[in-house]
Amino acid sequence: MLFTEKDIEWFNASTREIKFRDSDIPIYKRLEPFHEIKFYLGDNALFVVSSFVADWDSRIFTDLVLHYDLISDPNQGHYYLHDCYPAQFIDTLESKGKLRK
């Protein structure tokens, strides 16, 4: 799966939420777990997300993921670019002084 700047409405650098343009088929139904997701700006690859994860996912990732959050707002899911999944992994390392920024 790939996304270009045409697919993205906006990105919030503080919360890391990414808003995709509406499409006939919701993004979460088009994405497959265990598959890389590539983001492009024109012909240039910006970055690759290791996988698509959702709130019900029990796997642990230590790489960049596209997280579909349906629990926070059940009426409308939100997408986030997280450095890992679950996000608590980073919080735990930071609380123990083991996270470098």
Protein backbone atom coordinates (compact mmCIF):
# COMPACT_ATOMS: atom_id res chain seq x y z
CA MET A 1 0.00 0.00 0.00
CA LEU A 2 1.23 3.49 -0.67
CA PHE A 3 0.12 6.99 0.12
CA THR A 4 1.00 10.24 -1.62
CA GLU A 5 0.48 13.82 -0.52
CA LYS A 6 -2.87 13.70 -2.36
CA ASP A 7 -4.15 11.10 0.13
CA ILE A 8 -3.31 13.20 3.22
CA GLU A 9 -5.44 16.12 4.43
CA TRP A 10 -3.16 17.05 7.35
CA PHE A 11 -0.66 15.82 9.93
CA ASN A 12 -0.41 17.03 13.54
CA ALA A 13 3.26 16.89 14.58
CA SER A 14 2.38 17.19 18.29
CA THR A 15 -0.10 14.32 18.51
CA ARG A 16 1.24 12.48 15.43
CA GLU A 17 -2.31 12.14 14.13
CA ILE A 18 -2.62 11.86 10.37
CA LYS A 19 -5.90 12.62 8.62
CA PHE A 20 -6.50 10.92 5.28
CA ARG A 21 -8.89 12.17 2.63
CA ASP A 22 -12.22 10.38 2.51
CA SER A 23 -12.49 7.56 0.01
CA ASP A 24 -15.11 5.06 -1.10
CA ILE A 25 -13.43 2.33 0.96
CA PRO A 26 -12.23 3.29 4.46
CA ILE A 27 -8.44 3.26 4.87
CA TYR A 28 -8.53 0.59 7.60
CA LYS A 29 -10.32 -1.78 5.21
CA ARG A 30 -7.72 -1.20 2.48
CA LEU A 31 -4.69 -1.86 4.69
CA GLU A 32 -3.31 -5.28 5.46
CA PRO A 33 -1.39 -6.22 8.60
CA PHE A 34 2.21 -7.40 8.12
CA HIS A 35 2.64 -5.26 4.98
CA GLU A 36 4.81 -2.18 4.66
CA ILE A 37 3.15 1.14 3.91
CA LYS A 38 5.09 3.64 1.82
CA PHE A 39 4.57 7.40 1.91
CA TYR A 40 5.62 9.50 -1.10
CA LEU A 41 5.95 13.19 -1.85
CA GLY A 42 5.84 13.33 -5.64
CA ASP A 43 8.28 10.68 -6.84
CA ASN A 44 10.33 10.81 -3.64
CA ALA A 45 9.79 8.19 -0.94
CA LEU A 46 9.45 9.98 2.41
CA PHE A 47 9.33 6.99 4.77
CA VAL A 48 8.11 3.44 5.20
CA VAL A 49 5.82 2.28 7.98
CA SER A 50 6.52 -1.28 9.09
CA SER A 51 2.88 -2.28 9.59
CA PHE A 52 -0.73 -1.26 10.14
CA VAL A 53 -2.00 -1.94 13.67
CA ALA A 54 -5.30 -1.38 15.43
CA ASP A 55 -6.39 -1.18 19.07
CA TRP A 56 -7.28 -4.87 19.13
CA ASP A 57 -3.83 -5.89 17.90
CA SER A 58 -1.81 -7.94 20.40
CA ARG A 59 1.50 -7.87 18.53
CA ILE A 60 4.36 -5.65 19.69
CA PHE A 61 6.27 -3.46 17.25
CA THR A 62 9.45 -1.50 17.91
CA ASP A 63 9.38 0.32 14.57
CA LEU A 64 7.22 3.03 12.98
CA VAL A 65 3.59 1.91 12.62
CA LEU A 66 0.33 3.35 11.37
CA HIS A 67 -2.03 2.96 14.34
CA TYR A 68 -5.81 2.96 13.83
CA ASP A 69 -7.32 4.16 17.12
CA LEU A 70 -11.01 3.36 17.44
CA ILE A 71 -11.20 3.23 21.24
CA SER A 72 -10.62 6.94 21.96
CA ASP A 73 -13.44 8.05 19.66
CA PRO A 74 -15.73 5.12 18.77
CA ASN A 75 -17.79 7.27 16.38
CA GLN A 76 -14.80 8.06 14.20
CA GLY A 77 -11.47 6.27 14.10
CA HIS A 78 -8.23 8.22 14.10
CA TYR A 79 -4.87 7.33 12.57
CA TYR A 80 -1.51 7.99 14.20
CA LEU A 81 2.11 7.48 13.21
CA HIS A 82 3.69 5.91 16.29
CA ASP A 83 7.31 4.94 16.86
CA CYS A 84 6.14 1.61 18.24
CA TYR A 85 3.06 -0.30 19.31
CA PRO A 86 1.80 -0.34 21.95
CA ALA A 87 2.80 3.24 22.67
CA GLN A 88 3.34 2.39 26.37
CA PHE A 89 6.63 0.74 25.43
CA ILE A 90 8.16 4.19 24.79
CA ASP A 91 6.58 5.66 27.94
CA THR A 92 8.08 2.90 30.05
CA LEU A 93 11.56 3.40 28.63
CA GLU A 94 11.30 7.17 29.10
CA SER A 95 10.20 6.80 32.74
CA LYS A 96 13.28 4.68 33.42
CA GLY A 97 15.61 7.18 31.74
CA LYS A 98 16.42 4.78 28.89
CA LEU A 99 15.02 6.79 25.98
CA ARG A 100 17.30 8.93 23.86
CA LYS A 101 15.81 11.85 21.98
